[in-house]
PDB file of N, CA and C in Angstrom:
ATOM      1  N   UNK A   1     217.993  99.175 100.047  1.00  0.00           N
ATOM      2  CA  UNK A   1     216.683  99.806  99.956  1.00  0.00           C
ATOM      3  C   UNK A   1     215.654  98.728  99.620  1.00  0.00           C
ATOM      4  N   UNK A   2     214.526  98.765 100.295  1.00  0.00           N
ATOM      5  CA  UNK A   2     213.495  97.761 100.082  1.00  0.00           C
ATOM      6  C   UNK A   2     212.240  98.376  99.487  1.00  0.00           C
ATOM      7  N   UNK A   3     211.546  97.582  98.679  1.00  0.00           N
ATOM      8  CA  UNK A   3     210.259  97.983  98.121  1.00  0.00           C
ATOM      9  C   UNK A   3     209.242  98.059  99.260  1.00  0.00           C
ATOM     10  N   UNK A   4     208.478  99.141  99.301  1.00  0.00           N
ATOM     11  CA  UNK A   4     207.480  99.309 100.358  1.00  0.00           C
ATOM     12  C   UNK A   4     206.246  98.441 100.135  1.00  0.00           C
ATOM     13  N   UNK A   5     206.107  97.895  98.933  1.00  0.00           N
ATOM     14  CA  UNK A   5     204.939  97.066  98.620  1.00  0.00           C
ATOM     15  C   UNK A   5     205.190  95.580  98.870  1.00  0.00           C
ATOM     16  N   UNK A   6     206.399  95.082  98.505  1.00  0.00           N
ATOM     17  CA  UNK A   6     206.647  93.640  98.621  1.00  0.00           C
ATOM     18  C   UNK A   6     207.928  93.310  99.393  1.00  0.00           C
ATOM     19  N   UNK A   7     208.654  94.327  99.830  1.00  0.00           N
ATOM     20  CA  UNK A   7     209.860  94.184 100.644  1.00  0.00           C
ATOM     21  C   UNK A   7     211.063  93.612  99.893  1.00  0.00           C
ATOM     22  N   UNK A   8     211.012  93.540  98.553  1.00  0.00           N
ATOM     23  CA  UNK A   8     212.175  93.095  97.784  1.00  0.00           C
ATOM     24  C   UNK A   8     213.291  94.128  97.940  1.00  0.00           C
ATOM     25  N   UNK A   9     214.534  93.654  98.076  1.00  0.00           N
ATOM     26  CA  UNK A   9     215.673  94.543  98.321  1.00  0.00           C
ATOM     27  C   UNK A   9     216.387  94.921  97.022  1.00  0.00           C
ATOM     28  N   UNK A  10     216.861  96.173  96.962  1.00  0.00           N
ATOM     29  CA  UNK A  10     217.592  96.688  95.802  1.00  0.00           C
ATOM     30  C   UNK A  10     218.791  97.484  96.289  1.00  0.00           C
ATOM     31  N   UNK A  11     219.907  97.396  95.550  1.00  0.00           N
ATOM     32  CA  UNK A  11     221.101  98.158  95.923  1.00  0.00           C
ATOM     33  C   UNK A  11     221.148  99.511  95.222  1.00  0.00           C
ATOM     34  N   UNK A  12     220.452  99.635  94.096  1.00  0.00           N
ATOM     35  CA  UNK A  12     220.422 100.895  93.353  1.00  0.00           C
ATOM     36  C   UNK A  12     219.034 101.515  93.403  1.00  0.00           C
ATOM     37  N   UNK A  13     218.989 102.825  93.630  1.00  0.00           N
ATOM     38  CA  UNK A  13     217.708 103.529  93.690  1.00  0.00           C
ATOM     39  C   UNK A  13     216.952 103.410  92.372  1.00  0.00           C
ATOM     40  N   UNK A  14     217.663 103.515  91.237  1.00  0.00           N
ATOM     41  CA  UNK A  14     217.000 103.412  89.932  1.00  0.00           C
ATOM     42  C   UNK A  14     216.314 102.056  89.763  1.00  0.00           C
ATOM     43  N   UNK A  15     216.951 101.006  90.243  1.00  0.00           N
ATOM     44  CA  UNK A  15     216.348  99.667  90.158  1.00  0.00           C
ATOM     45  C   UNK A  15     215.102  99.580  91.026  1.00  0.00           C
ATOM     46  N   UNK A  16     215.176 100.133  92.226  1.00  0.00           N
ATOM     47  CA  UNK A  16     214.014 100.152  93.116  1.00  0.00           C
ATOM     48  C   UNK A  16     212.882 100.956  92.485  1.00  0.00           C
ATOM     49  N   UNK A  17     213.203 102.117  91.941  1.00  0.00           N
ATOM     50  CA  UNK A  17     212.201 102.979  91.326  1.00  0.00           C
ATOM     51  C   UNK A  17     211.507 102.263  90.165  1.00  0.00           C
ATOM     52  N   UNK A  18     212.278 101.619  89.298  1.00  0.00           N
ATOM     53  CA  UNK A  18     211.703 100.874  88.167  1.00  0.00           C
ATOM     54  C   UNK A  18     210.803  99.745  88.676  1.00  0.00           C
ATOM     55  N   UNK A  19     211.268  99.037  89.688  1.00  0.00           N
ATOM     56  CA  UNK A  19     210.484  97.955  90.282  1.00  0.00           C
ATOM     57  C   UNK A  19     209.172  98.480  90.870  1.00  0.00           C
ATOM     58  N   UNK A  20     209.223  99.596  91.589  1.00  0.00           N
ATOM     59  CA  UNK A  20     208.023 100.171  92.220  1.00  0.00           C
ATOM     60  C   UNK A  20     206.955 100.502  91.184  1.00  0.00           C
ATOM     61  N   UNK A  21     207.375 100.966  90.010  1.00  0.00           N
ATOM     62  CA  UNK A  21     206.403 101.294  88.964  1.00  0.00           C
ATOM     63  C   UNK A  21     205.558 100.080  88.594  1.00  0.00           C
ATOM     64  N   UNK A  22     206.148  98.890  88.637  1.00  0.00           N
ATOM     65  CA  UNK A  22     205.405  97.678  88.293  1.00  0.00           C
ATOM     66  C   UNK A  22     204.208  97.457  89.222  1.00  0.00           C
ATOM     67  N   UNK A  23     204.301  97.904  90.453  1.00  0.00           N
ATOM     68  CA  UNK A  23     203.189  97.750  91.394  1.00  0.00           C
ATOM     69  C   UNK A  23     202.021  98.664  91.045  1.00  0.00           C
ATOM     70  N   UNK A  24     202.292  99.751  90.330  1.00  0.00           N
ATOM     71  CA  UNK A  24     201.270 100.763  90.096  1.00  0.00           C
ATOM     72  C   UNK A  24     200.848 100.892  88.638  1.00  0.00           C
ATOM     73  N   UNK A  25     201.321 100.018  87.752  1.00  0.00           N
ATOM     74  CA  UNK A  25     200.935 100.079  86.342  1.00  0.00           C
ATOM     75  C   UNK A  25     199.441  99.824  86.229  1.00  0.00           C
ATOM     76  N   UNK A  26     198.737 100.751  85.591  1.00  0.00           N
ATOM     77  CA  UNK A  26     197.292 100.596  85.449  1.00  0.00           C
ATOM     78  C   UNK A  26     196.824 100.705  84.013  1.00  0.00           C
ATOM     79  N   UNK A  27     197.715 101.107  83.104  1.00  0.00           N
ATOM     80  CA  UNK A  27     197.320 101.290  81.706  1.00  0.00           C
ATOM     81  C   UNK A  27     198.352 100.625  80.805  1.00  0.00           C
ATOM     82  N   UNK A  28     197.882  99.760  79.897  1.00  0.00           N
ATOM     83  CA  UNK A  28     198.763  99.044  78.987  1.00  0.00           C
ATOM     84  C   UNK A  28     198.375  99.353  77.550  1.00  0.00           C
ATOM     85  N   UNK A  29     199.370  99.607  76.715  1.00  0.00           N
ATOM     86  CA  UNK A  29     199.135  99.891  75.301  1.00  0.00           C
ATOM     87  C   UNK A  29     198.679  98.618  74.601  1.00  0.00           C
ATOM     88  N   UNK A  30     197.524  98.671  73.930  1.00  0.00           N
ATOM     89  CA  UNK A  30     197.000  97.514  73.209  1.00  0.00           C
ATOM     90  C   UNK A  30     197.860  97.164  71.997  1.00  0.00           C
ATOM     91  N   UNK A  31     198.571  98.144  71.470  1.00  0.00           N
ATOM     92  CA  UNK A  31     199.369  97.944  70.261  1.00  0.00           C
ATOM     93  C   UNK A  31     200.689  97.228  70.549  1.00  0.00           C
ATOM     94  N   UNK A  32     201.407  97.631  71.620  1.00  0.00           N
ATOM     95  CA  UNK A  32     202.755  97.102  71.846  1.00  0.00           C
ATOM     96  C   UNK A  32     203.001  96.557  73.252  1.00  0.00           C
ATOM     97  N   UNK A  33     202.045  96.729  74.174  1.00  0.00           N
ATOM     98  CA  UNK A  33     202.208  96.204  75.523  1.00  0.00           C
ATOM     99  C   UNK A  33     202.958  97.104  76.487  1.00  0.00           C
ATOM    100  N   UNK A  34     203.366  98.299  76.056  1.00  0.00           N
ATOM    101  CA  UNK A  34     204.042  99.232  76.961  1.00  0.00           C
ATOM    102  C   UNK A  34     203.110  99.562  78.123  1.00  0.00           C
ATOM    103  N   UNK A  35     203.679  99.766  79.316  1.00  0.00           N
ATOM    104  CA  UNK A  35     202.873  99.975  80.517  1.00  0.00           C
ATOM    105  C   UNK A  35     203.106 101.365  81.092  1.00  0.00           C
ATOM    106  N   UNK A  36     202.026 101.952  81.620  1.00  0.00           N
ATOM    107  CA  UNK A  36     202.081 103.310  82.148  1.00  0.00           C
ATOM    108  C   UNK A  36     201.241 103.407  83.414  1.00  0.00           C
ATOM    109  N   UNK A  37     201.642 104.311  84.332  1.00  0.00           N
ATOM    110  CA  UNK A  37     200.870 104.501  85.557  1.00  0.00           C
ATOM    111  C   UNK A  37     199.824 105.591  85.396  1.00  0.00           C
ATOM    112  N   UNK A  38     199.920 106.391  84.347  1.00  0.00           N
ATOM    113  CA  UNK A  38     198.959 107.470  84.108  1.00  0.00           C
ATOM    114  C   UNK A  38     198.362 107.331  82.716  1.00  0.00           C
ATOM    115  N   UNK A  39     197.064 107.531  82.599  1.00  0.00           N
ATOM    116  CA  UNK A  39     196.387 107.476  81.313  1.00  0.00           C
ATOM    117  C   UNK A  39     196.955 108.515  80.358  1.00  0.00           C
ATOM    118  N   UNK A  40     197.304 109.696  80.863  1.00  0.00           N
ATOM    119  CA  UNK A  40     197.849 110.748  79.996  1.00  0.00           C
ATOM    120  C   UNK A  40     199.169 110.309  79.356  1.00  0.00           C
ATOM    121  N   UNK A  41     199.981 109.543  80.076  1.00  0.00           N
ATOM    122  CA  UNK A  41     201.235 109.045  79.511  1.00  0.00           C
ATOM    123  C   UNK A  41     200.973 108.007  78.433  1.00  0.00           C
ATOM    124  N   UNK A  42     199.971 107.154  78.645  1.00  0.00           N
ATOM    125  CA  UNK A  42     199.607 106.177  77.622  1.00  0.00           C
ATOM    126  C   UNK A  42     199.102 106.885  76.372  1.00  0.00           C
ATOM    127  N   UNK A  43     198.242 107.885  76.545  1.00  0.00           N
ATOM    128  CA  UNK A  43     197.727 108.632  75.390  1.00  0.00           C
ATOM    129  C   UNK A  43     198.863 109.286  74.606  1.00  0.00           C
ATOM    130  N   UNK A  44     199.808 109.881  75.322  1.00  0.00           N
ATOM    131  CA  UNK A  44     200.958 110.514  74.673  1.00  0.00           C
ATOM    132  C   UNK A  44     201.779 109.476  73.912  1.00  0.00           C
ATOM    133  N   UNK A  45     201.998 108.324  74.526  1.00  0.00           N
ATOM    134  CA  UNK A  45     202.723 107.234  73.875  1.00  0.00           C
ATOM    135  C   UNK A  45     202.029 106.826  72.587  1.00  0.00           C
ATOM    136  N   UNK A  46     200.725 106.621  72.638  1.00  0.00           N
ATOM    137  CA  UNK A  46     199.972 106.213  71.448  1.00  0.00           C
ATOM    138  C   UNK A  46     200.059 107.285  70.373  1.00  0.00           C
ATOM    139  N   UNK A  47     199.875 108.529  70.771  1.00  0.00           N
ATOM    140  CA  UNK A  47     199.916 109.641  69.818  1.00  0.00           C
ATOM    141  C   UNK A  47     201.287 109.722  69.139  1.00  0.00           C
ATOM    142  N   UNK A  48     202.349 109.565  69.910  1.00  0.00           N
ATOM    143  CA  UNK A  48     203.699 109.730  69.368  1.00  0.00           C
ATOM    144  C   UNK A  48     204.271 108.477  68.720  1.00  0.00           C
ATOM    145  N   UNK A  49     203.768 107.314  69.096  1.00  0.00           N
ATOM    146  CA  UNK A  49     204.350 106.068  68.618  1.00  0.00           C
ATOM    147  C   UNK A  49     203.492 105.349  67.588  1.00  0.00           C
ATOM    148  N   UNK A  50     202.191 105.338  67.783  1.00  0.00           N
ATOM    149  CA  UNK A  50     201.322 104.506  66.957  1.00  0.00           C
ATOM    150  C   UNK A  50     200.352 105.279  66.076  1.00  0.00           C
ATOM    151  N   UNK A  51     200.401 106.595  66.107  1.00  0.00           N
ATOM    152  CA  UNK A  51     199.426 107.388  65.354  1.00  0.00           C
ATOM    153  C   UNK A  51     199.543 107.090  63.860  1.00  0.00           C
ATOM    154  N   UNK A  52     198.443 106.752  63.268  1.00  0.00           N
ATOM    155  CA  UNK A  52     198.363 106.529  61.836  1.00  0.00           C
ATOM    156  C   UNK A  52     197.776 107.798  61.228  1.00  0.00           C
ATOM    157  N   UNK A  53     198.510 108.442  60.344  1.00  0.00           N
ATOM    158  CA  UNK A  53     198.125 109.755  59.830  1.00  0.00           C
ATOM    159  C   UNK A  53     196.736 109.752  59.219  1.00  0.00           C
ATOM    160  N   UNK A  54     196.433 108.787  58.372  1.00  0.00           N
ATOM    161  CA  UNK A  54     195.143 108.781  57.685  1.00  0.00           C
ATOM    162  C   UNK A  54     194.135 107.810  58.296  1.00  0.00           C
ATOM    163  N   UNK A  55     194.526 107.137  59.351  1.00  0.00           N
ATOM    164  CA  UNK A  55     193.640 106.132  59.931  1.00  0.00           C
ATOM    165  C   UNK A  55     192.455 106.788  60.622  1.00  0.00           C
ATOM    166  N   UNK A  56     191.289 106.211  60.407  1.00  0.00           N
ATOM    167  CA  UNK A  56     190.076 106.681  61.063  1.00  0.00           C
ATOM    168  C   UNK A  56     189.376 105.457  61.639  1.00  0.00           C
ATOM    169  N   UNK A  57     189.017 105.553  62.900  1.00  0.00           N
ATOM    170  CA  UNK A  57     188.336 104.467  63.593  1.00  0.00           C
ATOM    171  C   UNK A  57     186.986 104.986  64.078  1.00  0.00           C
ATOM    172  N   UNK A  58     185.911 104.717  63.313  1.00  0.00           N
ATOM    173  CA  UNK A  58     184.597 105.245  63.699  1.00  0.00           C
ATOM    174  C   UNK A  58     183.994 104.479  64.876  1.00  0.00           C
ATOM    175  N   UNK A  59     183.331 105.229  65.754  1.00  0.00           N
ATOM    176  CA  UNK A  59     182.575 104.621  66.845  1.00  0.00           C
ATOM    177  C   UNK A  59     181.368 103.930  66.232  1.00  0.00           C
ATOM    178  N   UNK A  60     181.153 102.682  66.602  1.00  0.00           N
ATOM    179  CA  UNK A  60     180.025 101.925  66.058  1.00  0.00           C
ATOM    180  C   UNK A  60     178.696 102.344  66.672  1.00  0.00           C
ATOM    181  N   UNK A  61     178.738 103.128  67.745  1.00  0.00           N
ATOM    182  CA  UNK A  61     177.509 103.568  68.404  1.00  0.00           C
ATOM    183  C   UNK A  61     177.044 104.922  67.891  1.00  0.00           C
ATOM    184  N   UNK A  62     177.967 105.902  67.837  1.00  0.00           N
ATOM    185  CA  UNK A  62     177.557 107.260  67.444  1.00  0.00           C
ATOM    186  C   UNK A  62     178.176 107.741  66.138  1.00  0.00           C
ATOM    187  N   UNK A  63     179.128 106.989  65.591  1.00  0.00           N
ATOM    188  CA  UNK A  63     179.738 107.364  64.323  1.00  0.00           C
ATOM    189  C   UNK A  63     180.911 108.322  64.420  1.00  0.00           C
ATOM    190  N   UNK A  64     181.257 108.778  65.609  1.00  0.00           N
ATOM    191  CA  UNK A  64     182.383 109.705  65.759  1.00  0.00           C
ATOM    192  C   UNK A  64     183.665 109.033  65.273  1.00  0.00           C
ATOM    193  N   UNK A  65     184.455 109.763  64.471  1.00  0.00           N
ATOM    194  CA  UNK A  65     185.723 109.239  63.979  1.00  0.00           C
ATOM    195  C   UNK A  65     186.827 109.519  64.984  1.00  0.00           C
ATOM    196  N   UNK A  66     187.568 108.468  65.331  1.00  0.00           N
ATOM    197  CA  UNK A  66     188.668 108.598  66.280  1.00  0.00           C
ATOM    198  C   UNK A  66     189.972 108.193  65.599  1.00  0.00           C
ATOM    199  N   UNK A  67     191.095 108.608  66.185  1.00  0.00           N
ATOM    200  CA  UNK A  67     192.390 108.470  65.525  1.00  0.00           C
ATOM    201  C   UNK A  67     193.085 107.133  65.741  1.00  0.00           C
ATOM    202  N   UNK A  68     192.624 106.326  66.691  1.00  0.00           N
ATOM    203  CA  UNK A  68     193.250 105.026  66.940  1.00  0.00           C
ATOM    204  C   UNK A  68     192.220 104.067  67.524  1.00  0.00           C
ATOM    205  N   UNK A  69     192.562 102.776  67.487  1.00  0.00           N
ATOM    206  CA  UNK A  69     191.680 101.773  68.098  1.00  0.00           C
ATOM    207  C   UNK A  69     191.543 102.039  69.590  1.00  0.00           C
ATOM    208  N   UNK A  70     192.664 102.418  70.213  1.00  0.00           N
ATOM    209  CA  UNK A  70     192.626 102.704  71.643  1.00  0.00           C
ATOM    210  C   UNK A  70     191.691 103.870  71.934  1.00  0.00           C
ATOM    211  N   UNK A  71     191.797 104.949  71.138  1.00  0.00           N
ATOM    212  CA  UNK A  71     190.932 106.116  71.337  1.00  0.00           C
ATOM    213  C   UNK A  71     189.468 105.738  71.182  1.00  0.00           C
ATOM    214  N   UNK A  72     189.173 104.889  70.200  1.00  0.00           N
ATOM    215  CA  UNK A  72     187.790 104.451  70.002  1.00  0.00           C
ATOM    216  C   UNK A  72     187.310 103.657  71.213  1.00  0.00           C
ATOM    217  N   UNK A  73     188.137 102.727  71.709  1.00  0.00           N
ATOM    218  CA  UNK A  73     187.757 101.943  72.880  1.00  0.00           C
ATOM    219  C   UNK A  73     187.551 102.806  74.109  1.00  0.00           C
ATOM    220  N   UNK A  74     188.436 103.779  74.300  1.00  0.00           N
ATOM    221  CA  UNK A  74     188.310 104.696  75.430  1.00  0.00           C
ATOM    222  C   UNK A  74     187.054 105.546  75.288  1.00  0.00           C
ATOM    223  N   UNK A  75     186.760 106.013  74.072  1.00  0.00           N
ATOM    224  CA  UNK A  75     185.554 106.801  73.797  1.00  0.00           C
ATOM    225  C   UNK A  75     184.302 105.996  74.159  1.00  0.00           C
ATOM    226  N   UNK A  76     184.228 104.763  73.695  1.00  0.00           N
ATOM    227  CA  UNK A  76     183.059 103.920  73.980  1.00  0.00           C
ATOM    228  C   UNK A  76     182.927 103.698  75.485  1.00  0.00           C
ATOM    229  N   UNK A  77     184.038 103.395  76.148  1.00  0.00           N
ATOM    230  CA  UNK A  77     184.003 103.116  77.589  1.00  0.00           C
ATOM    231  C   UNK A  77     183.567 104.329  78.397  1.00  0.00           C
ATOM    232  N   UNK A  78     184.091 105.503  78.068  1.00  0.00           N
ATOM    233  CA  UNK A  78     183.805 106.682  78.886  1.00  0.00           C
ATOM    234  C   UNK A  78     182.534 107.412  78.487  1.00  0.00           C
ATOM    235  N   UNK A  79     182.228 107.458  77.191  1.00  0.00           N
ATOM    236  CA  UNK A  79     181.061 108.215  76.725  1.00  0.00           C
ATOM    237  C   UNK A  79     179.794 107.369  76.731  1.00  0.00           C
ATOM    238  N   UNK A  80     179.878 106.167  76.195  1.00  0.00           N
ATOM    239  CA  UNK A  80     178.674 105.354  76.031  1.00  0.00           C
ATOM    240  C   UNK A  80     178.430 104.380  77.189  1.00  0.00           C
ATOM    241  N   UNK A  81     179.493 103.850  77.761  1.00  0.00           N
ATOM    242  CA  UNK A  81     179.330 102.869  78.843  1.00  0.00           C
ATOM    243  C   UNK A  81     179.563 103.477  80.221  1.00  0.00           C
ATOM    244  N   UNK A  82     180.036 104.708  80.272  1.00  0.00           N
ATOM    245  CA  UNK A  82     180.293 105.438  81.527  1.00  0.00           C
ATOM    246  C   UNK A  82     181.184 104.637  82.480  1.00  0.00           C
ATOM    247  N   UNK A  83     182.212 103.981  81.923  1.00  0.00           N
ATOM    248  CA  UNK A  83     183.145 103.213  82.748  1.00  0.00           C
ATOM    249  C   UNK A  83     184.264 104.125  83.249  1.00  0.00           C
ATOM    250  N   UNK A  84     184.621 104.011  84.513  1.00  0.00           N
ATOM    251  CA  UNK A  84     185.738 104.808  85.028  1.00  0.00           C
ATOM    252  C   UNK A  84     187.060 104.312  84.443  1.00  0.00           C
ATOM    253  N   UNK A  85     187.901 105.238  83.999  1.00  0.00           N
ATOM    254  CA  UNK A  85     189.177 104.854  83.394  1.00  0.00           C
ATOM    255  C   UNK A  85     190.389 105.468  84.086  1.00  0.00           C
ATOM    256  N   UNK A  86     190.169 106.311  85.085  1.00  0.00           N
ATOM    257  CA  UNK A  86     191.277 106.916  85.822  1.00  0.00           C
ATOM    258  C   UNK A  86     191.457 106.112  87.110  1.00  0.00           C
ATOM    259  N   UNK A  87     192.593 105.441  87.244  1.00  0.00           N
ATOM    260  CA  UNK A  87     192.811 104.544  88.376  1.00  0.00           C
ATOM    261  C   UNK A  87     193.633 105.192  89.479  1.00  0.00           C
ATOM    262  N   UNK A  88     193.308 104.816  90.698  1.00  0.00           N
ATOM    263  CA  UNK A  88     194.120 105.202  91.851  1.00  0.00           C
ATOM    264  C   UNK A  88     195.372 104.328  91.833  1.00  0.00           C
ATOM    265  N   UNK A  89     196.528 104.932  92.022  1.00  0.00           N
ATOM    266  CA  UNK A  89     197.754 104.148  92.017  1.00  0.00           C
ATOM    267  C   UNK A  89     198.104 103.594  93.399  1.00  0.00           C
ATOM    268  N   UNK A  90     197.215 103.810  94.377  1.00  0.00           N
ATOM    269  CA  UNK A  90     197.453 103.272  95.717  1.00  0.00           C
ATOM    270  C   UNK A  90     196.468 102.165  96.100  1.00  0.00           C
ATOM    271  N   UNK A  91     195.381 102.034  95.333  1.00  0.00           N
ATOM    272  CA  UNK A  91     194.407 100.970  95.594  1.00  0.00           C
ATOM    273  C   UNK A  91     193.696 100.644  94.278  1.00  0.00           C
ATOM    274  N   UNK A  92     192.670  99.827  94.334  1.00  0.00           N
ATOM    275  CA  UNK A  92     191.976  99.386  93.126  1.00  0.00           C
ATOM    276  C   UNK A  92     190.843 100.299  92.685  1.00  0.00           C
ATOM    277  N   UNK A  93     190.673 101.449  93.312  1.00  0.00           N
ATOM    278  CA  UNK A  93     189.579 102.358  92.955  1.00  0.00           C
ATOM    279  C   UNK A  93     189.802 102.947  91.559  1.00  0.00           C
ATOM    280  N   UNK A  94     188.696 103.219  90.849  1.00  0.00           N
ATOM    281  CA  UNK A  94     188.757 103.824  89.515  1.00  0.00           C
ATOM    282  C   UNK A  94     187.727 104.940  89.436  1.00  0.00           C
ATOM    283  N   UNK A  95     188.023 105.943  88.619  1.00  0.00           N
ATOM    284  CA  UNK A  95     187.209 107.156  88.571  1.00  0.00           C
ATOM    285  C   UNK A  95     186.997 107.626  87.138  1.00  0.00           C
ATOM    286  N   UNK A  96     185.970 108.460  86.950  1.00  0.00           N
ATOM    287  CA  UNK A  96     185.671 109.019  85.636  1.00  0.00           C
ATOM    288  C   UNK A  96     186.510 110.256  85.329  1.00  0.00           C
ATOM    289  N   UNK A  97     187.152 110.854  86.326  1.00  0.00           N
ATOM    290  CA  UNK A  97     187.956 112.056  86.079  1.00  0.00           C
ATOM    291  C   UNK A  97     189.163 112.099  87.013  1.00  0.00           C
ATOM    292  N   UNK A  98     190.160 112.878  86.604  1.00  0.00           N
ATOM    293  CA  UNK A  98     191.344 113.078  87.444  1.00  0.00           C
ATOM    294  C   UNK A  98     190.964 113.800  88.734  1.00  0.00           C
ATOM    295  N   UNK A  99     190.017 114.729  88.637  1.00  0.00           N
ATOM    296  CA  UNK A  99     189.596 115.482  89.824  1.00  0.00           C
ATOM    297  C   UNK A  99     189.020 114.551  90.891  1.00  0.00           C
ATOM    298  N   UNK A 100     188.196 113.598  90.466  1.00  0.00           N
ATOM    299  CA  UNK A 100     187.619 112.646  91.425  1.00  0.00           C
ATOM    300  C   UNK A 100     188.708 111.755  92.023  1.00  0.00           C
ATOM    301  N   UNK A 101     189.653 111.324  91.193  1.00  0.00           N
ATOM    302  CA  UNK A 101     190.746 110.505  91.704  1.00  0.00           C
ATOM    303  C   UNK A 101     191.591 111.294  92.696  1.00  0.00           C
ATOM    304  N   UNK A 102     191.884 112.560  92.378  1.00  0.00           N
ATOM    305  CA  UNK A 102     192.701 113.380  93.273  1.00  0.00           C
ATOM    306  C   UNK A 102     192.009 113.613  94.612  1.00  0.00           C
ATOM    307  N   UNK A 103     190.687 113.821  94.577  1.00  0.00           N
ATOM    308  CA  UNK A 103     189.939 113.982  95.826  1.00  0.00           C
ATOM    309  C   UNK A 103     190.014 112.695  96.647  1.00  0.00           C
ATOM    310  N   UNK A 104     189.877 111.553  95.977  1.00  0.00           N
ATOM    311  CA  UNK A 104     189.996 110.249  96.634  1.00  0.00           C
ATOM    312  C   UNK A 104     191.376 110.102  97.286  1.00  0.00           C
ATOM    313  N   UNK A 105     192.439 110.477  96.560  1.00  0.00           N
ATOM    314  CA  UNK A 105     193.796 110.368  97.102  1.00  0.00           C
ATOM    315  C   UNK A 105     193.942 111.165  98.394  1.00  0.00           C
ATOM    316  N   UNK A 106     193.353 112.352  98.422  1.00  0.00           N
ATOM    317  CA  UNK A 106     193.437 113.205  99.613  1.00  0.00           C
ATOM    318  C   UNK A 106     192.594 112.637 100.748  1.00  0.00           C
ATOM    319  N   UNK A 107     191.334 112.294 100.449  1.00  0.00           N
ATOM    320  CA  UNK A 107     190.405 111.868 101.495  1.00  0.00           C
ATOM    321  C   UNK A 107     190.691 110.465 102.025  1.00  0.00           C
ATOM    322  N   UNK A 108     191.088 109.552 101.150  1.00  0.00           N
ATOM    323  CA  UNK A 108     191.274 108.162 101.567  1.00  0.00           C
ATOM    324  C   UNK A 108     192.721 107.860 101.959  1.00  0.00           C
ATOM    325  N   UNK A 109     193.661 108.387 101.184  1.00  0.00           N
ATOM    326  CA  UNK A 109     195.061 108.033 101.402  1.00  0.00           C
ATOM    327  C   UNK A 109     195.876 109.144 102.062  1.00  0.00           C
ATOM    328  N   UNK A 110     195.252 110.312 102.306  1.00  0.00           N
ATOM    329  CA  UNK A 110     195.966 111.411 102.950  1.00  0.00           C
ATOM    330  C   UNK A 110     197.031 112.048 102.079  1.00  0.00           C
ATOM    331  N   UNK A 111     196.935 111.855 100.770  1.00  0.00           N
ATOM    332  CA  UNK A 111     197.895 112.423  99.822  1.00  0.00           C
ATOM    333  C   UNK A 111     197.661 113.920  99.718  1.00  0.00           C
ATOM    334  N   UNK A 112     198.655 114.720  99.966  1.00  0.00           N
ATOM    335  CA  UNK A 112     198.515 116.187  99.977  1.00  0.00           C
ATOM    336  C   UNK A 112     199.079 116.820  98.716  1.00  0.00           C
ATOM    337  N   UNK A 113     198.830 116.254  97.571  1.00  0.00           N
ATOM    338  CA  UNK A 113     199.380 116.763  96.306  1.00  0.00           C
ATOM    339  C   UNK A 113     199.016 118.172  96.063  1.00  0.00           C
TER     340      UNK A 113
END
């Protein structure tokens, strides 16, 4: 079995599947370096692995208290800087919402999810 992105060959499907994920990793945990293809999986990882019970990370712009450094950074990027954080896993496009990304997948890549 060969990777459809780089043509590397694998004898086990699990090995190919793990390798394919590396092509589509778009979110990395700032705390431990774990990699995820979906922002929701990264958020779940942070919540379950790195959540500090009493930790509060205030936004320096609006004062909102957030539960982690990552949450604060994401808050600043999406609320104050309006940066897209939802990435297409088939190209380099990025979006402000899952709905916009899903529409892009259908219209640009023909994905019929």
